[in-house]
Amino acid sequence: MGTSALLEPGAKDVRNPLIVGMFRRVGLSEQAGTGISAIFGDWRRRGRVPPEIVNDIASYRFRLSLLAKQLLSERQLLFQAALGLHLSDLEASALAILCGQGQVTLPEFRASLGIGSADLLPLLDRLEIQILAAKSDRPDGVCYALSEHLRERWPLSEGAVGAAPSLVSDRCPGSTSLVSDQAASKPAQKAPVKPGRQLDHLTDDQYRLLAACDTPRRLTELIELLGVKHRTQFRSFHLRPLLDGGLLQLQFPDKPRHPSQRYSVTAFGAEIVARRLKAEGSDR
């Protein structure tokens, strides 16, 4: 059975009819062909990265791995904020999936996002228009990969996207992978990328600034909050990375030295603060 068929609804080829019959008799298998989709759906609702499947056809070996990693992690939010993106929740999730995988097929996207083709195809088209995703054709269908220029920016500590496996792979001993990690892209075009050093983590002081800026704050208030004596040092090491990273915004962006200038958190910054507060509350 091909990779795409594993994620499609409907009956599948049965490798061991006796085991299948036993599960059905005890009521653990109600509808054939829905088990993998149900697993993907449950993991999606938990906010995790999609499960990974290895389907070793030749040796009759099947493995489904559930990874305890958040799909929209803080690092992923920082990455998207630095690009200056304004994506819907589904678009942000789709981009995060592309960051974690070499190539993703349409059935994999449908299972991972829980939407049908009528909603999925326009979503992927929007990512293509913004030069965030690149589409290519494979013998088993259309697939998508992260655009080449974004693969250069995605933090290496999360893993090299170009070398990452597909969500689902067919393996045969002694053969090469059927999934190529190189997808056609549009190297001549570049998505608008905000300048500045890209944040891949927040210091404790930067997080304190974000949390304080849920209400617009003056520069003097923020300096006092951290107890920093040198204004230039404060701007360089604490404030500027948050501005360049799309986590803080100016009340008067066209006039940086406006006498009434204040700093407030962006939607990305607010999301990061909310996630940390939730995590801290669950640890108590």
C-alpha atoms as a PDB file:
ATOM      1  CA  MET A   1       0.000   0.000   0.000  1.00  0.00           C
ATOM      2  CA  GLY A   2       1.355   3.439  -0.920  1.00  0.00           C
ATOM      3  CA  THR A   3       1.990   6.202   1.546  1.00  0.00           C
ATOM      4  CA  SER A   4      -0.974   8.350   0.514  1.00  0.00           C
ATOM      5  CA  ALA A   5      -3.431   5.474   0.858  1.00  0.00           C
ATOM      6  CA  LEU A   6      -2.538   5.016   4.539  1.00  0.00           C
ATOM      7  CA  LEU A   7      -3.996   8.422   5.352  1.00  0.00           C
ATOM      8  CA  GLU A   8      -7.092   8.153   3.188  1.00  0.00           C
ATOM      9  CA  PRO A   9     -10.408   6.859   4.607  1.00  0.00           C
ATOM     10  CA  GLY A  10     -11.659   3.441   3.677  1.00  0.00           C
ATOM     11  CA  ALA A  11     -10.643  -0.180   4.146  1.00  0.00           C
ATOM     12  CA  LYS A  12      -6.948  -1.094   3.948  1.00  0.00           C
ATOM     13  CA  ASP A  13      -5.159  -4.268   2.984  1.00  0.00           C
ATOM     14  CA  VAL A  14      -5.177  -6.559   6.027  1.00  0.00           C
ATOM     15  CA  ARG A  15      -1.842  -8.104   6.978  1.00  0.00           C
ATOM     16  CA  ASN A  16      -3.190 -10.347   9.716  1.00  0.00           C
ATOM     17  CA  PRO A  17      -6.942 -11.070   9.387  1.00  0.00           C
ATOM     18  CA  LEU A  18      -6.996 -13.033  12.682  1.00  0.00           C
ATOM     19  CA  ILE A  19      -5.861 -10.014  14.715  1.00  0.00           C
ATOM     20  CA  VAL A  20      -8.290  -7.727  12.891  1.00  0.00           C
ATOM     21  CA  GLY A  21     -11.152 -10.144  13.539  1.00  0.00           C
ATOM     22  CA  MET A  22     -10.288 -10.364  17.219  1.00  0.00           C
ATOM     23  CA  PHE A  23     -10.291  -6.560  17.618  1.00  0.00           C
ATOM     24  CA  ARG A  24     -13.662  -6.308  15.890  1.00  0.00           C
ATOM     25  CA  ARG A  25     -15.221  -8.990  18.085  1.00  0.00           C
ATOM     26  CA  VAL A  26     -14.191  -7.213  21.308  1.00  0.00           C
ATOM     27  CA  GLY A  27     -15.446  -3.887  19.989  1.00  0.00           C
ATOM     28  CA  LEU A  28     -12.064  -2.183  19.556  1.00  0.00           C
ATOM     29  CA  SER A  29     -12.386  -1.826  15.798  1.00  0.00           C
ATOM     30  CA  GLU A  30     -15.662  -0.203  14.817  1.00  0.00           C
ATOM     31  CA  GLN A  31     -14.933   1.256  11.394  1.00  0.00           C
ATOM     32  CA  ALA A  32     -12.171  -0.075   9.174  1.00  0.00           C
ATOM     33  CA  GLY A  33      -9.696   2.429   7.790  1.00  0.00           C
ATOM     34  CA  THR A  34     -10.257   5.217  10.340  1.00  0.00           C
ATOM     35  CA  GLY A  35      -7.663   4.337  12.972  1.00  0.00           C
ATOM     36  CA  ILE A  36      -4.713   6.319  11.613  1.00  0.00           C
ATOM     37  CA  SER A  37      -6.877   9.359  10.890  1.00  0.00           C
ATOM     38  CA  ALA A  38      -8.220   9.208  14.452  1.00  0.00           C
ATOM     39  CA  ILE A  39      -4.682   9.134  15.846  1.00  0.00           C
ATOM     40  CA  PHE A  40      -3.679  12.136  13.720  1.00  0.00           C
ATOM     41  CA  GLY A  41      -6.806  13.980  14.869  1.00  0.00           C
ATOM     42  CA  ASP A  42      -6.164  13.335  18.559  1.00  0.00           C
ATOM     43  CA  TRP A  43      -2.524  14.432  18.275  1.00  0.00           C
ATOM     44  CA  ARG A  44      -3.608  17.546  16.359  1.00  0.00           C
ATOM     45  CA  ARG A  45      -6.034  18.519  19.121  1.00  0.00           C
ATOM     46  CA  ARG A  46      -3.174  18.229  21.605  1.00  0.00           C
ATOM     47  CA  GLY A  47      -1.165  20.722  19.539  1.00  0.00           C
ATOM     48  CA  ARG A  48       1.601  18.218  18.783  1.00  0.00           C
ATOM     49  CA  VAL A  49       3.658  17.733  15.654  1.00  0.00           C
ATOM     50  CA  PRO A  50       2.060  15.163  13.309  1.00  0.00           C
ATOM     51  CA  PRO A  51       2.800  11.481  13.966  1.00  0.00           C
ATOM     52  CA  GLU A  52       5.509   9.874  11.845  1.00  0.00           C
ATOM     53  CA  ILE A  53       4.830   6.626  10.030  1.00  0.00           C
ATOM     54  CA  VAL A  54       7.305   4.078   8.704  1.00  0.00           C
ATOM     55  CA  ASN A  55       5.693   1.494   6.446  1.00  0.00           C
ATOM     56  CA  ASP A  56       8.306  -1.144   5.613  1.00  0.00           C
ATOM     57  CA  ILE A  57       6.458  -3.041   2.910  1.00  0.00           C
ATOM     58  CA  ALA A  58       9.085  -5.677   2.175  1.00  0.00           C
ATOM     59  CA  SER A  59       9.522  -6.878   5.763  1.00  0.00           C
ATOM     60  CA  TYR A  60       5.893  -6.321   6.835  1.00  0.00           C
ATOM     61  CA  ARG A  61       6.972  -3.811   9.481  1.00  0.00           C
ATOM     62  CA  PHE A  62       4.868  -0.816  10.473  1.00  0.00           C
ATOM     63  CA  ARG A  63       5.724   1.866  13.026  1.00  0.00           C
ATOM     64  CA  LEU A  64       3.776   4.967  14.060  1.00  0.00           C
ATOM     65  CA  SER A  65       5.657   7.414  16.301  1.00  0.00           C
ATOM     66  CA  LEU A  66       3.913   9.998  18.484  1.00  0.00           C
ATOM     67  CA  LEU A  67       6.340  12.828  19.179  1.00  0.00           C
ATOM     68  CA  ALA A  68       5.835  14.933  22.314  1.00  0.00           C
ATOM     69  CA  LYS A  69       6.751  18.187  20.574  1.00  0.00           C
ATOM     70  CA  GLN A  70       4.499  21.203  20.238  1.00  0.00           C
ATOM     71  CA  LEU A  71       3.741  22.060  16.608  1.00  0.00           C
ATOM     72  CA  LEU A  72       3.594  25.814  17.208  1.00  0.00           C
ATOM     73  CA  SER A  73       6.488  25.896  19.652  1.00  0.00           C
ATOM     74  CA  GLU A  74       7.901  29.125  21.034  1.00  0.00           C
ATOM     75  CA  ARG A  75      10.814  28.798  18.599  1.00  0.00           C
ATOM     76  CA  GLN A  76       8.368  28.444  15.706  1.00  0.00           C
ATOM     77  CA  LEU A  77       6.423  31.516  16.855  1.00  0.00           C
ATOM     78  CA  LEU A  78       9.678  33.501  17.048  1.00  0.00           C
ATOM     79  CA  PHE A  79      10.574  32.344  13.542  1.00  0.00           C
ATOM     80  CA  GLN A  80       7.232  33.401  12.069  1.00  0.00           C
ATOM     81  CA  ALA A  81       7.250  36.695  13.962  1.00  0.00           C
ATOM     82  CA  ALA A  82      10.713  37.544  12.604  1.00  0.00           C
ATOM     83  CA  LEU A  83       9.366  37.094   9.075  1.00  0.00           C
ATOM     84  CA  GLY A  84       6.638  39.652   9.745  1.00  0.00           C
ATOM     85  CA  LEU A  85       3.929  37.172   8.788  1.00  0.00           C
ATOM     86  CA  HIS A  86       0.211  37.565   9.396  1.00  0.00           C
ATOM     87  CA  LEU A  87      -1.116  34.028   9.059  1.00  0.00           C
ATOM     88  CA  SER A  88      -4.293  32.331  10.148  1.00  0.00           C
ATOM     89  CA  ASP A  89      -4.007  29.542  12.727  1.00  0.00           C
ATOM     90  CA  LEU A  90      -4.209  26.903   9.994  1.00  0.00           C
ATOM     91  CA  GLU A  91      -1.649  28.682   7.811  1.00  0.00           C
ATOM     92  CA  ALA A  92       0.727  28.994  10.770  1.00  0.00           C
ATOM     93  CA  SER A  93       0.292  25.274  11.508  1.00  0.00           C
ATOM     94  CA  ALA A  94       0.903  24.357   7.865  1.00  0.00           C
ATOM     95  CA  LEU A  95       4.099  26.404   7.811  1.00  0.00           C
ATOM     96  CA  ALA A  96       5.248  24.757  11.047  1.00  0.00           C
ATOM     97  CA  ILE A  97       4.662  21.327   9.499  1.00  0.00           C
ATOM     98  CA  LEU A  98       6.770  22.320   6.490  1.00  0.00           C
ATOM     99  CA  CYS A  99       9.536  23.484   8.824  1.00  0.00           C
ATOM    100  CA  GLY A 100       9.674  20.050  10.400  1.00  0.00           C
ATOM    101  CA  GLN A 101       9.511  17.906   7.275  1.00  0.00           C
ATOM    102  CA  GLY A 102      11.360  17.571   3.997  1.00  0.00           C
ATOM    103  CA  GLN A 103       8.239  17.187   1.881  1.00  0.00           C
ATOM    104  CA  VAL A 104       4.557  16.893   2.727  1.00  0.00           C
ATOM    105  CA  THR A 105       1.890  15.408   0.473  1.00  0.00           C
ATOM    106  CA  LEU A 106      -1.733  16.496   0.288  1.00  0.00           C
ATOM    107  CA  PRO A 107      -3.039  13.450   2.232  1.00  0.00           C
ATOM    108  CA  GLU A 108      -0.466  14.156   4.942  1.00  0.00           C
ATOM    109  CA  PHE A 109      -1.580  17.773   5.138  1.00  0.00           C
ATOM    110  CA  ARG A 110      -5.260  16.794   5.279  1.00  0.00           C
ATOM    111  CA  ALA A 111      -4.608  14.354   8.124  1.00  0.00           C
ATOM    112  CA  SER A 112      -2.346  16.757  10.017  1.00  0.00           C
ATOM    113  CA  LEU A 113      -4.606  19.819   9.724  1.00  0.00           C
ATOM    114  CA  GLY A 114      -7.977  18.044   9.790  1.00  0.00           C
ATOM    115  CA  ILE A 115      -9.399  19.844   6.750  1.00  0.00           C
ATOM    116  CA  GLY A 116     -10.568  18.743   3.319  1.00  0.00           C
ATOM    117  CA  SER A 117      -9.102  19.563  -0.073  1.00  0.00           C
ATOM    118  CA  ALA A 118     -11.586  22.395  -0.648  1.00  0.00           C
ATOM    119  CA  ASP A 119      -9.994  24.323   2.226  1.00  0.00           C
ATOM    120  CA  LEU A 120      -6.478  22.929   1.999  1.00  0.00           C
ATOM    121  CA  LEU A 121      -5.636  23.815  -1.607  1.00  0.00           C
ATOM    122  CA  PRO A 122      -6.426  27.566  -1.266  1.00  0.00           C
ATOM    123  CA  LEU A 123      -4.428  27.602   1.981  1.00  0.00           C
ATOM    124  CA  LEU A 124      -1.377  26.092   0.277  1.00  0.00           C
ATOM    125  CA  ASP A 125      -1.809  28.468  -2.651  1.00  0.00           C
ATOM    126  CA  ARG A 126      -1.609  31.397  -0.228  1.00  0.00           C
ATOM    127  CA  LEU A 127       1.636  30.029   1.224  1.00  0.00           C
ATOM    128  CA  GLU A 128       3.006  29.656  -2.307  1.00  0.00           C
ATOM    129  CA  ILE A 129       2.076  33.225  -3.247  1.00  0.00           C
ATOM    130  CA  GLN A 130       3.954  34.486  -0.187  1.00  0.00           C
ATOM    131  CA  ILE A 131       6.983  32.364  -1.208  1.00  0.00           C
ATOM    132  CA  LEU A 132       6.705  30.358   1.987  1.00  0.00           C
ATOM    133  CA  ALA A 133       6.060  26.991   0.337  1.00  0.00           C
ATOM    134  CA  ALA A 134       7.223  25.399  -2.915  1.00  0.00           C
ATOM    135  CA  LYS A 135       5.152  22.843  -4.833  1.00  0.00           C
ATOM    136  CA  SER A 136       6.511  19.958  -6.875  1.00  0.00           C
ATOM    137  CA  ASP A 137       5.163  16.812  -8.535  1.00  0.00           C
ATOM    138  CA  ARG A 138       6.119  13.302  -7.510  1.00  0.00           C
ATOM    139  CA  PRO A 139       5.036   9.965  -8.992  1.00  0.00           C
ATOM    140  CA  ASP A 140       2.652   9.513  -6.047  1.00  0.00           C
ATOM    141  CA  GLY A 141       1.179  13.020  -6.313  1.00  0.00           C
ATOM    142  CA  VAL A 142       1.753  16.682  -5.477  1.00  0.00           C
ATOM    143  CA  CYS A 143       3.930  17.576  -2.514  1.00  0.00           C
ATOM    144  CA  TYR A 144       5.076  20.759  -0.794  1.00  0.00           C
ATOM    145  CA  ALA A 145       8.305  21.832   0.877  1.00  0.00           C
ATOM    146  CA  LEU A 146       9.503  24.889   2.730  1.00  0.00           C
ATOM    147  CA  SER A 147      10.829  27.528   0.329  1.00  0.00           C
ATOM    148  CA  GLU A 148      14.579  27.430  -0.171  1.00  0.00           C
ATOM    149  CA  HIS A 149      15.296  30.848   1.322  1.00  0.00           C
ATOM    150  CA  LEU A 150      13.360  29.908   4.487  1.00  0.00           C
ATOM    151  CA  ARG A 151      15.289  26.651   4.849  1.00  0.00           C
ATOM    152  CA  GLU A 152      18.366  28.848   5.209  1.00  0.00           C
ATOM    153  CA  ARG A 153      16.755  30.790   8.084  1.00  0.00           C
ATOM    154  CA  TRP A 154      15.059  28.050  10.079  1.00  0.00           C
ATOM    155  CA  PRO A 155      17.211  27.473  13.221  1.00  0.00           C
ATOM    156  CA  LEU A 156      19.590  24.581  12.759  1.00  0.00           C
ATOM    157  CA  SER A 157      18.960  23.399  16.298  1.00  0.00           C
ATOM    158  CA  GLU A 158      15.473  22.345  15.199  1.00  0.00           C
ATOM    159  CA  GLY A 159      16.998  20.124  12.514  1.00  0.00           C
ATOM    160  CA  ALA A 160      17.858  20.779   8.902  1.00  0.00           C
ATOM    161  CA  VAL A 161      14.558  20.861   7.067  1.00  0.00           C
ATOM    162  CA  GLY A 162      16.050  19.683   3.797  1.00  0.00           C
ATOM    163  CA  ALA A 163      17.250  16.511   5.492  1.00  0.00           C
ATOM    164  CA  ALA A 164      14.118  15.795   7.486  1.00  0.00           C
ATOM    165  CA  PRO A 165      12.004  12.765   6.626  1.00  0.00           C
ATOM    166  CA  SER A 166       8.504  12.792   5.279  1.00  0.00           C
ATOM    167  CA  LEU A 167       5.623  12.217   7.674  1.00  0.00           C
ATOM    168  CA  VAL A 168       5.071   8.886   5.967  1.00  0.00           C
ATOM    169  CA  SER A 169       7.711   6.823   4.204  1.00  0.00           C
ATOM    170  CA  ASP A 170       7.823   3.483   2.394  1.00  0.00           C
ATOM    171  CA  ARG A 171      10.995   1.574   3.104  1.00  0.00           C
ATOM    172  CA  CYS A 172      12.373  -1.495   1.412  1.00  0.00           C
ATOM    173  CA  PRO A 173      15.681  -3.095   2.490  1.00  0.00           C
ATOM    174  CA  GLY A 174      18.513  -2.335   0.106  1.00  0.00           C
ATOM    175  CA  SER A 175      16.630   0.405  -1.712  1.00  0.00           C
ATOM    176  CA  THR A 176      16.814   4.162  -1.643  1.00  0.00           C
ATOM    177  CA  SER A 177      14.025   6.221  -0.150  1.00  0.00           C
ATOM    178  CA  LEU A 178      11.045   6.837  -2.378  1.00  0.00           C
ATOM    179  CA  VAL A 179      10.802  10.336  -0.909  1.00  0.00           C
ATOM    180  CA  SER A 180      13.100  13.017  -2.248  1.00  0.00           C
ATOM    181  CA  ASP A 181      13.985  15.889   0.079  1.00  0.00           C
ATOM    182  CA  GLN A 182      14.488  18.317  -2.784  1.00  0.00           C
ATOM    183  CA  ALA A 183      11.406  20.104  -4.079  1.00  0.00           C
ATOM    184  CA  ALA A 184      11.163  22.611  -6.894  1.00  0.00           C
ATOM    185  CA  SER A 185      11.283  26.161  -5.567  1.00  0.00           C
ATOM    186  CA  LYS A 186      11.301  29.714  -6.862  1.00  0.00           C
ATOM    187  CA  PRO A 187      14.871  30.873  -6.158  1.00  0.00           C
ATOM    188  CA  ALA A 188      14.485  34.050  -8.148  1.00  0.00           C
ATOM    189  CA  GLN A 189      11.778  35.320  -5.788  1.00  0.00           C
ATOM    190  CA  LYS A 190      12.090  36.236  -2.154  1.00  0.00           C
ATOM    191  CA  ALA A 191       9.387  36.782   0.417  1.00  0.00           C
ATOM    192  CA  PRO A 192       9.622  40.074   2.278  1.00  0.00           C
ATOM    193  CA  VAL A 193      11.779  39.428   5.325  1.00  0.00           C
ATOM    194  CA  LYS A 194      12.191  41.888   8.142  1.00  0.00           C
ATOM    195  CA  PRO A 195      15.787  42.927   8.824  1.00  0.00           C
ATOM    196  CA  GLY A 196      17.611  42.339  12.072  1.00  0.00           C
ATOM    197  CA  ARG A 197      19.008  39.423  14.021  1.00  0.00           C
ATOM    198  CA  GLN A 198      16.608  36.505  14.236  1.00  0.00           C
ATOM    199  CA  LEU A 199      15.634  35.408  17.724  1.00  0.00           C
ATOM    200  CA  ASP A 200      15.592  31.685  18.379  1.00  0.00           C
ATOM    201  CA  HIS A 201      14.969  32.034  22.131  1.00  0.00           C
ATOM    202  CA  LEU A 202      14.068  34.672  24.696  1.00  0.00           C
ATOM    203  CA  THR A 203      16.119  35.652  27.707  1.00  0.00           C
ATOM    204  CA  ASP A 204      14.352  36.002  31.042  1.00  0.00           C
ATOM    205  CA  ASP A 205      14.706  39.786  30.813  1.00  0.00           C
ATOM    206  CA  GLN A 206      13.195  39.872  27.318  1.00  0.00           C
ATOM    207  CA  TYR A 207      10.265  37.815  28.517  1.00  0.00           C
ATOM    208  CA  ARG A 208       9.743  40.247  31.412  1.00  0.00           C
ATOM    209  CA  LEU A 209       9.615  43.112  28.916  1.00  0.00           C
ATOM    210  CA  LEU A 210       7.042  41.304  26.786  1.00  0.00           C
ATOM    211  CA  ALA A 211       4.871  40.553  29.798  1.00  0.00           C
ATOM    212  CA  ALA A 212       5.045  44.165  30.964  1.00  0.00           C
ATOM    213  CA  CYS A 213       4.114  45.553  27.549  1.00  0.00           C
ATOM    214  CA  ASP A 214       0.610  44.119  27.573  1.00  0.00           C
ATOM    215  CA  THR A 215      -0.043  47.772  28.416  1.00  0.00           C
ATOM    216  CA  PRO A 216       1.884  50.346  26.316  1.00  0.00           C
ATOM    217  CA  ARG A 217       5.006  51.370  28.240  1.00  0.00           C
ATOM    218  CA  ARG A 218       7.473  54.238  27.996  1.00  0.00           C
ATOM    219  CA  LEU A 219      11.153  53.513  27.506  1.00  0.00           C
ATOM    220  CA  THR A 220      11.968  54.813  30.975  1.00  0.00           C
ATOM    221  CA  GLU A 221       9.468  52.391  32.508  1.00  0.00           C
ATOM    222  CA  LEU A 222      11.076  49.414  30.774  1.00  0.00           C
ATOM    223  CA  ILE A 223      14.592  50.473  31.740  1.00  0.00           C
ATOM    224  CA  GLU A 224      13.484  50.801  35.341  1.00  0.00           C
ATOM    225  CA  LEU A 225      11.829  47.380  35.201  1.00  0.00           C
ATOM    226  CA  LEU A 226      15.140  45.666  34.401  1.00  0.00           C
ATOM    227  CA  GLY A 227      17.272  47.991  36.492  1.00  0.00           C
ATOM    228  CA  VAL A 228      19.657  48.656  33.605  1.00  0.00           C
ATOM    229  CA  LYS A 229      21.789  51.789  33.982  1.00  0.00           C
ATOM    230  CA  HIS A 230      22.987  52.214  30.395  1.00  0.00           C
ATOM    231  CA  ARG A 231      20.260  53.128  27.916  1.00  0.00           C
ATOM    232  CA  THR A 232      22.354  52.158  24.876  1.00  0.00           C
ATOM    233  CA  GLN A 233      23.018  48.711  26.327  1.00  0.00           C
ATOM    234  CA  PHE A 234      19.322  48.303  27.096  1.00  0.00           C
ATOM    235  CA  ARG A 235      18.360  49.117  23.520  1.00  0.00           C
ATOM    236  CA  SER A 236      20.974  46.834  21.956  1.00  0.00           C
ATOM    237  CA  PHE A 237      20.652  43.732  24.115  1.00  0.00           C
ATOM    238  CA  HIS A 238      17.042  43.808  25.280  1.00  0.00           C
ATOM    239  CA  LEU A 239      14.747  46.086  23.294  1.00  0.00           C
ATOM    240  CA  ARG A 240      16.021  46.014  19.707  1.00  0.00           C
ATOM    241  CA  PRO A 241      15.884  42.193  19.312  1.00  0.00           C
ATOM    242  CA  LEU A 242      12.229  42.250  20.393  1.00  0.00           C
ATOM    243  CA  LEU A 243      11.400  45.009  17.902  1.00  0.00           C
ATOM    244  CA  ASP A 244      13.297  43.366  15.047  1.00  0.00           C
ATOM    245  CA  GLY A 245      11.802  40.000  15.978  1.00  0.00           C
ATOM    246  CA  GLY A 246       8.231  41.279  15.618  1.00  0.00           C
ATOM    247  CA  LEU A 247       7.355  40.804  19.288  1.00  0.00           C
ATOM    248  CA  LEU A 248       7.179  44.471  20.302  1.00  0.00           C
ATOM    249  CA  GLN A 249       5.847  47.407  18.304  1.00  0.00           C
ATOM    250  CA  LEU A 250       6.077  51.184  18.481  1.00  0.00           C
ATOM    251  CA  GLN A 251       3.016  53.310  19.100  1.00  0.00           C
ATOM    252  CA  PHE A 252       4.475  55.810  16.593  1.00  0.00           C
ATOM    253  CA  PRO A 253       6.471  53.631  14.160  1.00  0.00           C
ATOM    254  CA  ASP A 254       7.192  56.485  11.737  1.00  0.00           C
ATOM    255  CA  LYS A 255       8.642  58.623  14.534  1.00  0.00           C
ATOM    256  CA  PRO A 256      10.906  56.456  16.699  1.00  0.00           C
ATOM    257  CA  ARG A 257      11.943  59.418  18.892  1.00  0.00           C
ATOM    258  CA  HIS A 258       8.433  60.732  19.433  1.00  0.00           C
ATOM    259  CA  PRO A 259       8.247  62.303  22.916  1.00  0.00           C
ATOM    260  CA  SER A 260       5.190  60.201  23.754  1.00  0.00           C
ATOM    261  CA  GLN A 261       6.597  56.984  22.279  1.00  0.00           C
ATOM    262  CA  ARG A 262       5.429  53.777  23.903  1.00  0.00           C
ATOM    263  CA  TYR A 263       6.077  50.087  23.323  1.00  0.00           C
ATOM    264  CA  SER A 264       3.408  47.390  23.225  1.00  0.00           C
ATOM    265  CA  VAL A 265       3.361  43.675  22.610  1.00  0.00           C
ATOM    266  CA  THR A 266       2.356  42.286  19.195  1.00  0.00           C
ATOM    267  CA  ALA A 267       0.037  39.333  18.632  1.00  0.00           C
ATOM    268  CA  PHE A 268       3.045  36.988  18.425  1.00  0.00           C
ATOM    269  CA  GLY A 269       4.488  38.404  21.637  1.00  0.00           C
ATOM    270  CA  ALA A 270       1.154  38.090  23.431  1.00  0.00           C
ATOM    271  CA  GLU A 271       0.860  34.457  22.313  1.00  0.00           C
ATOM    272  CA  ILE A 272       4.301  33.644  23.712  1.00  0.00           C
ATOM    273  CA  VAL A 273       3.468  35.312  27.046  1.00  0.00           C
ATOM    274  CA  ALA A 274       0.138  33.456  27.249  1.00  0.00           C
ATOM    275  CA  ARG A 275       1.800  30.099  26.552  1.00  0.00           C
ATOM    276  CA  ARG A 276       4.442  30.658  29.224  1.00  0.00           C
ATOM    277  CA  LEU A 277       1.864  31.727  31.778  1.00  0.00           C
ATOM    278  CA  LYS A 278      -0.185  28.630  31.018  1.00  0.00           C
ATOM    279  CA  ALA A 279       2.879  26.393  31.349  1.00  0.00           C
ATOM    280  CA  GLU A 280       3.858  28.027  34.648  1.00  0.00           C
ATOM    281  CA  GLY A 281       0.305  27.576  35.961  1.00  0.00           C
ATOM    282  CA  SER A 282       0.248  23.880  35.069  1.00  0.00           C
ATOM    283  CA  ASP A 283       3.543  23.298  36.915  1.00  0.00           C
ATOM    284  CA  ARG A 284       2.138  24.581  40.217  1.00  0.00           C
END
